[in-house]
C-alpha atoms as a PDB file:
ATOM      1  CA  UNK A   1     -19.614 -12.027   1.620  1.00  0.00           C
ATOM      2  CA  UNK A   2     -20.627 -12.192   5.293  1.00  0.00           C
ATOM      3  CA  UNK A   3     -22.029  -9.168   7.090  1.00  0.00           C
ATOM      4  CA  UNK A   4     -20.223  -7.645  10.050  1.00  0.00           C
ATOM      5  CA  UNK A   5     -22.521  -9.524  12.437  1.00  0.00           C
ATOM      6  CA  UNK A   6     -21.627 -12.780  10.688  1.00  0.00           C
ATOM      7  CA  UNK A   7     -17.864 -12.353  11.111  1.00  0.00           C
ATOM      8  CA  UNK A   8     -17.139 -15.124  13.573  1.00  0.00           C
ATOM      9  CA  UNK A   9     -13.744 -15.966  15.039  1.00  0.00           C
ATOM     10  CA  UNK A  10     -12.841 -18.149  12.049  1.00  0.00           C
ATOM     11  CA  UNK A  11     -13.382 -15.279   9.615  1.00  0.00           C
ATOM     12  CA  UNK A  12     -11.470 -12.829  11.797  1.00  0.00           C
ATOM     13  CA  UNK A  13      -8.477 -15.139  12.265  1.00  0.00           C
ATOM     14  CA  UNK A  14      -8.439 -15.838   8.514  1.00  0.00           C
ATOM     15  CA  UNK A  15      -8.551 -12.117   7.749  1.00  0.00           C
ATOM     16  CA  UNK A  16      -5.745 -11.392  10.238  1.00  0.00           C
ATOM     17  CA  UNK A  17      -3.601 -14.145   8.726  1.00  0.00           C
ATOM     18  CA  UNK A  18      -4.310 -12.937   5.187  1.00  0.00           C
ATOM     19  CA  UNK A  19      -3.404  -9.354   6.059  1.00  0.00           C
ATOM     20  CA  UNK A  20      -0.161 -10.490   7.662  1.00  0.00           C
ATOM     21  CA  UNK A  21       0.893 -12.801   4.850  1.00  0.00           C
ATOM     22  CA  UNK A  22      -0.124 -10.464   2.034  1.00  0.00           C
ATOM     23  CA  UNK A  23       1.628  -7.515   3.702  1.00  0.00           C
ATOM     24  CA  UNK A  24       4.896  -9.381   3.306  1.00  0.00           C
ATOM     25  CA  UNK A  25       4.287  -9.381  -0.446  1.00  0.00           C
ATOM     26  CA  UNK A  26       2.427  -6.155  -1.279  1.00  0.00           C
ATOM     27  CA  UNK A  27       1.834  -3.967   1.765  1.00  0.00           C
ATOM     28  CA  UNK A  28       0.453  -0.944  -0.059  1.00  0.00           C
ATOM     29  CA  UNK A  29      -1.858  -3.066  -2.185  1.00  0.00           C
ATOM     30  CA  UNK A  30      -3.176  -4.711   0.980  1.00  0.00           C
ATOM     31  CA  UNK A  31      -3.939  -1.348   2.592  1.00  0.00           C
ATOM     32  CA  UNK A  32      -5.530   0.063  -0.563  1.00  0.00           C
ATOM     33  CA  UNK A  33      -7.615  -3.020  -1.436  1.00  0.00           C
ATOM     34  CA  UNK A  34      -8.830  -3.521   2.128  1.00  0.00           C
ATOM     35  CA  UNK A  35      -9.717   0.134   2.529  1.00  0.00           C
ATOM     36  CA  UNK A  36     -11.449   0.337  -0.848  1.00  0.00           C
ATOM     37  CA  UNK A  37     -13.427  -2.851  -0.162  1.00  0.00           C
ATOM     38  CA  UNK A  38     -14.676  -1.381   3.105  1.00  0.00           C
ATOM     39  CA  UNK A  39     -15.338   2.064   1.613  1.00  0.00           C
ATOM     40  CA  UNK A  40     -17.416   0.583  -1.217  1.00  0.00           C
ATOM     41  CA  UNK A  41     -19.321  -1.680   1.144  1.00  0.00           C
ATOM     42  CA  UNK A  42     -17.985  -4.900  -0.334  1.00  0.00           C
ATOM     43  CA  UNK A  43     -16.532  -6.092   2.967  1.00  0.00           C
ATOM     44  CA  UNK A  44     -17.637  -5.116   6.488  1.00  0.00           C
ATOM     45  CA  UNK A  45     -14.359  -4.116   8.096  1.00  0.00           C
ATOM     46  CA  UNK A  46     -13.864  -4.544  11.842  1.00  0.00           C
ATOM     47  CA  UNK A  47     -13.605  -1.301  13.805  1.00  0.00           C
ATOM     48  CA  UNK A  48      -9.828  -1.552  14.057  1.00  0.00           C
ATOM     49  CA  UNK A  49      -9.483  -1.533  10.265  1.00  0.00           C
ATOM     50  CA  UNK A  50     -11.990   1.191   9.427  1.00  0.00           C
ATOM     51  CA  UNK A  51      -9.227   3.791   9.361  1.00  0.00           C
ATOM     52  CA  UNK A  52      -8.165   2.190   6.077  1.00  0.00           C
ATOM     53  CA  UNK A  53     -11.427   3.445   4.537  1.00  0.00           C
ATOM     54  CA  UNK A  54     -10.345   7.053   5.025  1.00  0.00           C
ATOM     55  CA  UNK A  55      -9.924   8.693   1.591  1.00  0.00           C
ATOM     56  CA  UNK A  56      -6.545  10.141   2.602  1.00  0.00           C
ATOM     57  CA  UNK A  57      -5.265   6.716   3.636  1.00  0.00           C
ATOM     58  CA  UNK A  58      -6.566   5.146   0.431  1.00  0.00           C
ATOM     59  CA  UNK A  59      -5.001   7.893  -1.680  1.00  0.00           C
ATOM     60  CA  UNK A  60      -1.600   7.525  -0.038  1.00  0.00           C
ATOM     61  CA  UNK A  61      -1.760   3.732  -0.256  1.00  0.00           C
ATOM     62  CA  UNK A  62      -2.882   3.909  -3.888  1.00  0.00           C
ATOM     63  CA  UNK A  63       0.022   6.154  -4.861  1.00  0.00           C
ATOM     64  CA  UNK A  64       2.557   3.911  -3.111  1.00  0.00           C
ATOM     65  CA  UNK A  65       0.888   0.870  -4.637  1.00  0.00           C
ATOM     66  CA  UNK A  66       1.440   2.342  -8.103  1.00  0.00           C
ATOM     67  CA  UNK A  67       5.091   3.076  -7.309  1.00  0.00           C
ATOM     68  CA  UNK A  68       5.612  -0.442  -5.988  1.00  0.00           C
ATOM     69  CA  UNK A  69       3.885  -1.965  -9.022  1.00  0.00           C
ATOM     70  CA  UNK A  70       6.586  -0.580 -11.319  1.00  0.00           C
ATOM     71  CA  UNK A  71       9.545  -0.770  -8.911  1.00  0.00           C
ATOM     72  CA  UNK A  72       8.874  -4.444  -8.290  1.00  0.00           C
ATOM     73  CA  UNK A  73       9.302  -5.268 -11.975  1.00  0.00           C
ATOM     74  CA  UNK A  74      12.729  -3.706 -12.517  1.00  0.00           C
ATOM     75  CA  UNK A  75      15.692  -6.068 -11.918  1.00  0.00           C
ATOM     76  CA  UNK A  76      17.966  -4.983  -9.042  1.00  0.00           C
ATOM     77  CA  UNK A  77      15.562  -2.183  -8.105  1.00  0.00           C
ATOM     78  CA  UNK A  78      13.122  -4.831  -6.856  1.00  0.00           C
ATOM     79  CA  UNK A  79      15.759  -6.264  -4.513  1.00  0.00           C
ATOM     80  CA  UNK A  80      16.640  -2.791  -3.218  1.00  0.00           C
ATOM     81  CA  UNK A  81      12.935  -2.111  -2.680  1.00  0.00           C
ATOM     82  CA  UNK A  82      12.571  -5.387  -0.762  1.00  0.00           C
ATOM     83  CA  UNK A  83      15.615  -4.564   1.356  1.00  0.00           C
ATOM     84  CA  UNK A  84      14.207  -1.185   2.403  1.00  0.00           C
ATOM     85  CA  UNK A  85      10.776  -2.654   3.088  1.00  0.00           C
ATOM     86  CA  UNK A  86      12.142  -5.297   5.429  1.00  0.00           C
ATOM     87  CA  UNK A  87      11.704  -2.655   8.128  1.00  0.00           C
ATOM     88  CA  UNK A  88       8.202  -1.692   6.948  1.00  0.00           C
ATOM     89  CA  UNK A  89       6.287  -4.784   5.829  1.00  0.00           C
ATOM     90  CA  UNK A  90       6.848  -6.939   8.902  1.00  0.00           C
ATOM     91  CA  UNK A  91       5.705  -4.468  11.602  1.00  0.00           C
ATOM     92  CA  UNK A  92       2.888  -3.282   9.327  1.00  0.00           C
ATOM     93  CA  UNK A  93       1.700  -6.868   8.845  1.00  0.00           C
ATOM     94  CA  UNK A  94       1.680  -7.347  12.611  1.00  0.00           C
ATOM     95  CA  UNK A  95      -0.214  -4.085  13.150  1.00  0.00           C
ATOM     96  CA  UNK A  96      -2.853  -4.838  10.517  1.00  0.00           C
ATOM     97  CA  UNK A  97      -3.435  -8.345  11.863  1.00  0.00           C
ATOM     98  CA  UNK A  98      -3.775  -7.028  15.435  1.00  0.00           C
ATOM     99  CA  UNK A  99      -6.199  -4.328  14.259  1.00  0.00           C
ATOM    100  CA  UNK A 100      -8.646  -6.994  13.105  1.00  0.00           C
ATOM    101  CA  UNK A 101      -9.535  -7.541  16.770  1.00  0.00           C
ATOM    102  CA  UNK A 102      -9.013  -3.911  17.796  1.00  0.00           C
ATOM    103  CA  UNK A 103      -8.830  -3.033  21.471  1.00  0.00           C
ATOM    104  CA  UNK A 104     -11.887  -5.060  22.484  1.00  0.00           C
ATOM    105  CA  UNK A 105      -9.920  -8.254  22.970  1.00  0.00           C
ATOM    106  CA  UNK A 106      -6.325  -7.628  23.929  1.00  0.00           C
ATOM    107  CA  UNK A 107      -5.480 -11.324  24.045  1.00  0.00           C
ATOM    108  CA  UNK A 108      -6.696 -12.042  20.524  1.00  0.00           C
ATOM    109  CA  UNK A 109      -5.138  -8.816  19.241  1.00  0.00           C
ATOM    110  CA  UNK A 110      -1.761  -9.837  20.683  1.00  0.00           C
ATOM    111  CA  UNK A 111      -1.980 -13.331  19.215  1.00  0.00           C
ATOM    112  CA  UNK A 112      -3.055 -11.914  15.863  1.00  0.00           C
ATOM    113  CA  UNK A 113      -0.187  -9.416  15.908  1.00  0.00           C
ATOM    114  CA  UNK A 114       2.353 -12.158  16.544  1.00  0.00           C
ATOM    115  CA  UNK A 115       0.775 -14.309  13.836  1.00  0.00           C
ATOM    116  CA  UNK A 116       0.638 -11.446  11.355  1.00  0.00           C
ATOM    117  CA  UNK A 117       4.224 -10.392  11.970  1.00  0.00           C
ATOM    118  CA  UNK A 118       5.505 -13.946  11.594  1.00  0.00           C
ATOM    119  CA  UNK A 119       3.556 -14.521   8.384  1.00  0.00           C
ATOM    120  CA  UNK A 120       4.667 -11.173   6.972  1.00  0.00           C
ATOM    121  CA  UNK A 121       8.301 -12.010   7.766  1.00  0.00           C
ATOM    122  CA  UNK A 122       7.986 -15.447   6.139  1.00  0.00           C
ATOM    123  CA  UNK A 123       6.345 -14.105   2.986  1.00  0.00           C
ATOM    124  CA  UNK A 124       8.751 -11.172   2.736  1.00  0.00           C
ATOM    125  CA  UNK A 125      11.840 -13.365   3.176  1.00  0.00           C
ATOM    126  CA  UNK A 126      10.659 -15.846   0.554  1.00  0.00           C
ATOM    127  CA  UNK A 127       9.816 -13.032  -1.870  1.00  0.00           C
ATOM    128  CA  UNK A 128      13.101 -11.194  -1.360  1.00  0.00           C
ATOM    129  CA  UNK A 129      15.137 -14.388  -1.701  1.00  0.00           C
ATOM    130  CA  UNK A 130      13.277 -15.440  -4.843  1.00  0.00           C
ATOM    131  CA  UNK A 131      13.690 -12.045  -6.487  1.00  0.00           C
ATOM    132  CA  UNK A 132      17.388 -11.904  -5.583  1.00  0.00           C
ATOM    133  CA  UNK A 133      17.863 -15.312  -7.199  1.00  0.00           C
ATOM    134  CA  UNK A 134      15.912 -14.184 -10.273  1.00  0.00           C
ATOM    135  CA  UNK A 135      18.238 -11.188 -10.594  1.00  0.00           C
ATOM    136  CA  UNK A 136      21.152 -13.544 -11.262  1.00  0.00           C
ATOM    137  CA  UNK A 137      19.607 -14.102 -14.690  1.00  0.00           C
ATOM    138  CA  UNK A 138      20.169 -11.301 -17.255  1.00  0.00           C
ATOM    139  CA  UNK A 139      16.671 -11.513 -18.736  1.00  0.00           C
ATOM    140  CA  UNK A 140      13.933  -9.376 -17.089  1.00  0.00           C
ATOM    141  CA  UNK A 141      10.972 -11.637 -17.874  1.00  0.00           C
ATOM    142  CA  UNK A 142      11.293 -13.812 -14.771  1.00  0.00           C
ATOM    143  CA  UNK A 143      11.170 -10.688 -12.581  1.00  0.00           C
ATOM    144  CA  UNK A 144       8.051  -9.435 -14.357  1.00  0.00           C
ATOM    145  CA  UNK A 145       6.386 -12.842 -14.177  1.00  0.00           C
ATOM    146  CA  UNK A 146       7.078 -13.238 -10.463  1.00  0.00           C
ATOM    147  CA  UNK A 147       5.887  -9.707  -9.799  1.00  0.00           C
ATOM    148  CA  UNK A 148       2.629 -10.232 -11.699  1.00  0.00           C
ATOM    149  CA  UNK A 149       2.052 -13.440  -9.752  1.00  0.00           C
ATOM    150  CA  UNK A 150       2.296 -11.416  -6.541  1.00  0.00           C
ATOM    151  CA  UNK A 151      -0.086  -8.795  -7.927  1.00  0.00           C
ATOM    152  CA  UNK A 152      -2.699 -11.502  -8.508  1.00  0.00           C
ATOM    153  CA  UNK A 153      -2.065 -13.490  -5.325  1.00  0.00           C
ATOM    154  CA  UNK A 154      -2.691 -10.640  -2.876  1.00  0.00           C
ATOM    155  CA  UNK A 155      -6.313  -9.770  -3.803  1.00  0.00           C
ATOM    156  CA  UNK A 156      -7.022 -13.465  -4.289  1.00  0.00           C
ATOM    157  CA  UNK A 157      -5.879 -14.331  -0.763  1.00  0.00           C
ATOM    158  CA  UNK A 158      -7.783 -11.437   0.786  1.00  0.00           C
ATOM    159  CA  UNK A 159     -10.966 -12.492  -0.998  1.00  0.00           C
ATOM    160  CA  UNK A 160     -10.499 -16.142  -0.054  1.00  0.00           C
ATOM    161  CA  UNK A 161      -9.993 -15.317   3.626  1.00  0.00           C
ATOM    162  CA  UNK A 162     -13.385 -13.586   3.784  1.00  0.00           C
ATOM    163  CA  UNK A 163     -15.376 -15.848   1.482  1.00  0.00           C
ATOM    164  CA  UNK A 164     -13.944 -19.301   2.264  1.00  0.00           C
ATOM    165  CA  UNK A 165     -11.792 -19.102   5.409  1.00  0.00           C
ATOM    166  CA  UNK A 166     -11.286 -22.847   5.772  1.00  0.00           C
ATOM    167  CA  UNK A 167     -10.068 -23.122   2.185  1.00  0.00           C
ATOM    168  CA  UNK A 168      -7.837 -20.141   2.871  1.00  0.00           C
ATOM    169  CA  UNK A 169      -6.196 -21.894   5.832  1.00  0.00           C
ATOM    170  CA  UNK A 170      -5.291 -24.844   3.600  1.00  0.00           C
ATOM    171  CA  UNK A 171      -3.903 -22.529   0.912  1.00  0.00           C
ATOM    172  CA  UNK A 172      -1.963 -20.589   3.550  1.00  0.00           C
ATOM    173  CA  UNK A 173      -0.425 -23.762   4.991  1.00  0.00           C
ATOM    174  CA  UNK A 174       0.739 -24.797   1.521  1.00  0.00           C
ATOM    175  CA  UNK A 175       2.089 -21.301   0.846  1.00  0.00           C
ATOM    176  CA  UNK A 176       4.032 -21.212   4.126  1.00  0.00           C
ATOM    177  CA  UNK A 177       5.552 -24.639   3.522  1.00  0.00           C
ATOM    178  CA  UNK A 178       6.496 -23.680  -0.034  1.00  0.00           C
ATOM    179  CA  UNK A 179       7.958 -20.373   1.160  1.00  0.00           C
ATOM    180  CA  UNK A 180      10.164 -22.116   3.719  1.00  0.00           C
ATOM    181  CA  UNK A 181      11.464 -24.628   1.168  1.00  0.00           C
ATOM    182  CA  UNK A 182      12.088 -21.935  -1.460  1.00  0.00           C
ATOM    183  CA  UNK A 183      13.885 -19.726   1.050  1.00  0.00           C
ATOM    184  CA  UNK A 184      16.248 -22.491   2.178  1.00  0.00           C
ATOM    185  CA  UNK A 185      17.012 -23.746  -1.334  1.00  0.00           C
ATOM    186  CA  UNK A 186      17.533 -20.319  -2.908  1.00  0.00           C
ATOM    187  CA  UNK A 187      19.530 -19.025   0.046  1.00  0.00           C
ATOM    188  CA  UNK A 188      21.960 -21.908  -0.408  1.00  0.00           C
ATOM    189  CA  UNK A 189      22.105 -21.118  -4.139  1.00  0.00           C
ATOM    190  CA  UNK A 190      22.844 -17.431  -3.489  1.00  0.00           C
ATOM    191  CA  UNK A 191      25.466 -18.261  -0.877  1.00  0.00           C
ATOM    192  CA  UNK A 192      27.232 -20.651  -3.261  1.00  0.00           C
ATOM    193  CA  UNK A 193      27.073 -18.029  -6.032  1.00  0.00           C
ATOM    194  CA  UNK A 194      28.544 -15.390  -3.735  1.00  0.00           C
ATOM    195  CA  UNK A 195      31.413 -17.679  -2.831  1.00  0.00           C
ATOM    196  CA  UNK A 196      32.171 -18.309  -6.501  1.00  0.00           C
ATOM    197  CA  UNK A 197      32.099 -14.594  -7.298  1.00  0.00           C
ATOM    198  CA  UNK A 198      34.323 -13.660  -4.393  1.00  0.00           C
ATOM    199  CA  UNK A 199      36.615 -16.678  -4.749  1.00  0.00           C
ATOM    200  CA  UNK A 200      35.959 -17.793  -1.200  1.00  0.00           C
ATOM    201  CA  UNK A 201      36.068 -21.570  -0.692  1.00  0.00           C
ATOM    202  CA  UNK A 202      33.249 -23.335   1.036  1.00  0.00           C
ATOM    203  CA  UNK A 203      33.735 -23.802   4.752  1.00  0.00           C
ATOM    204  CA  UNK A 204      35.235 -27.164   5.560  1.00  0.00           C
ATOM    205  CA  UNK A 205      34.243 -29.129   8.655  1.00  0.00           C
ATOM    206  CA  UNK A 206      36.848 -29.028  11.439  1.00  0.00           C
ATOM    207  CA  UNK A 207      39.345 -31.890  11.382  1.00  0.00           C
ATOM    208  CA  UNK A 208      38.939 -34.567  13.997  1.00  0.00           C
ATOM    209  CA  UNK A 209      41.734 -34.839  16.556  1.00  0.00           C
ATOM    210  CA  UNK A 210      43.943 -37.904  16.112  1.00  0.00           C
ATOM    211  CA  UNK A 211      42.855 -40.932  18.064  1.00  0.00           C
ATOM    212  CA  UNK A 212      44.951 -41.669  21.120  1.00  0.00           C
ATOM    213  CA  UNK A 213      46.868 -44.911  20.929  1.00  0.00           C
ATOM    214  CA  UNK A 214      46.842 -47.219  23.885  1.00  0.00           C
END
């Protein structure tokens, strides 16, 4: 791991992007893991993130992380949890990403906040759409499997952003592209399913006006 003096712009941008993206998946895990890593001296946190090392912040984040761990594995409850956290994960992802640069560089902090919020929104939308689609199946194993994948992905991405930022950028690009494709495909699936359940026919294109005869 690099020391605080060795955190160049590449590392900081990678960390901001990782915090934004991961917040869209597991916000409380991101806060707890980042704070614990700084508290234990594993990662030199920038000044804007040092508040996460506070024992009270880590305790609160740890408790919510435990709640989310179980809530995210219960069919239907996971979708409700995602719905509520639409209004929490996205602004939190933006705030965490901006805090990487603190108040020393307002321009970079603003850019990082926009990047973090966008990545958090993308990850959250893909996650919520995927879990909603998984809830159309009566078995609970797909929900548990998807949830466990998220549990593993978050610490992995945070570690990769600090240890191998260039590799992280490649992994992030693939993840964003995959998230966009999954969101579009599963949204169409859910919309078609909703129409079947409600008996609403698919929208038909408007009829062309008859051609004028000369």
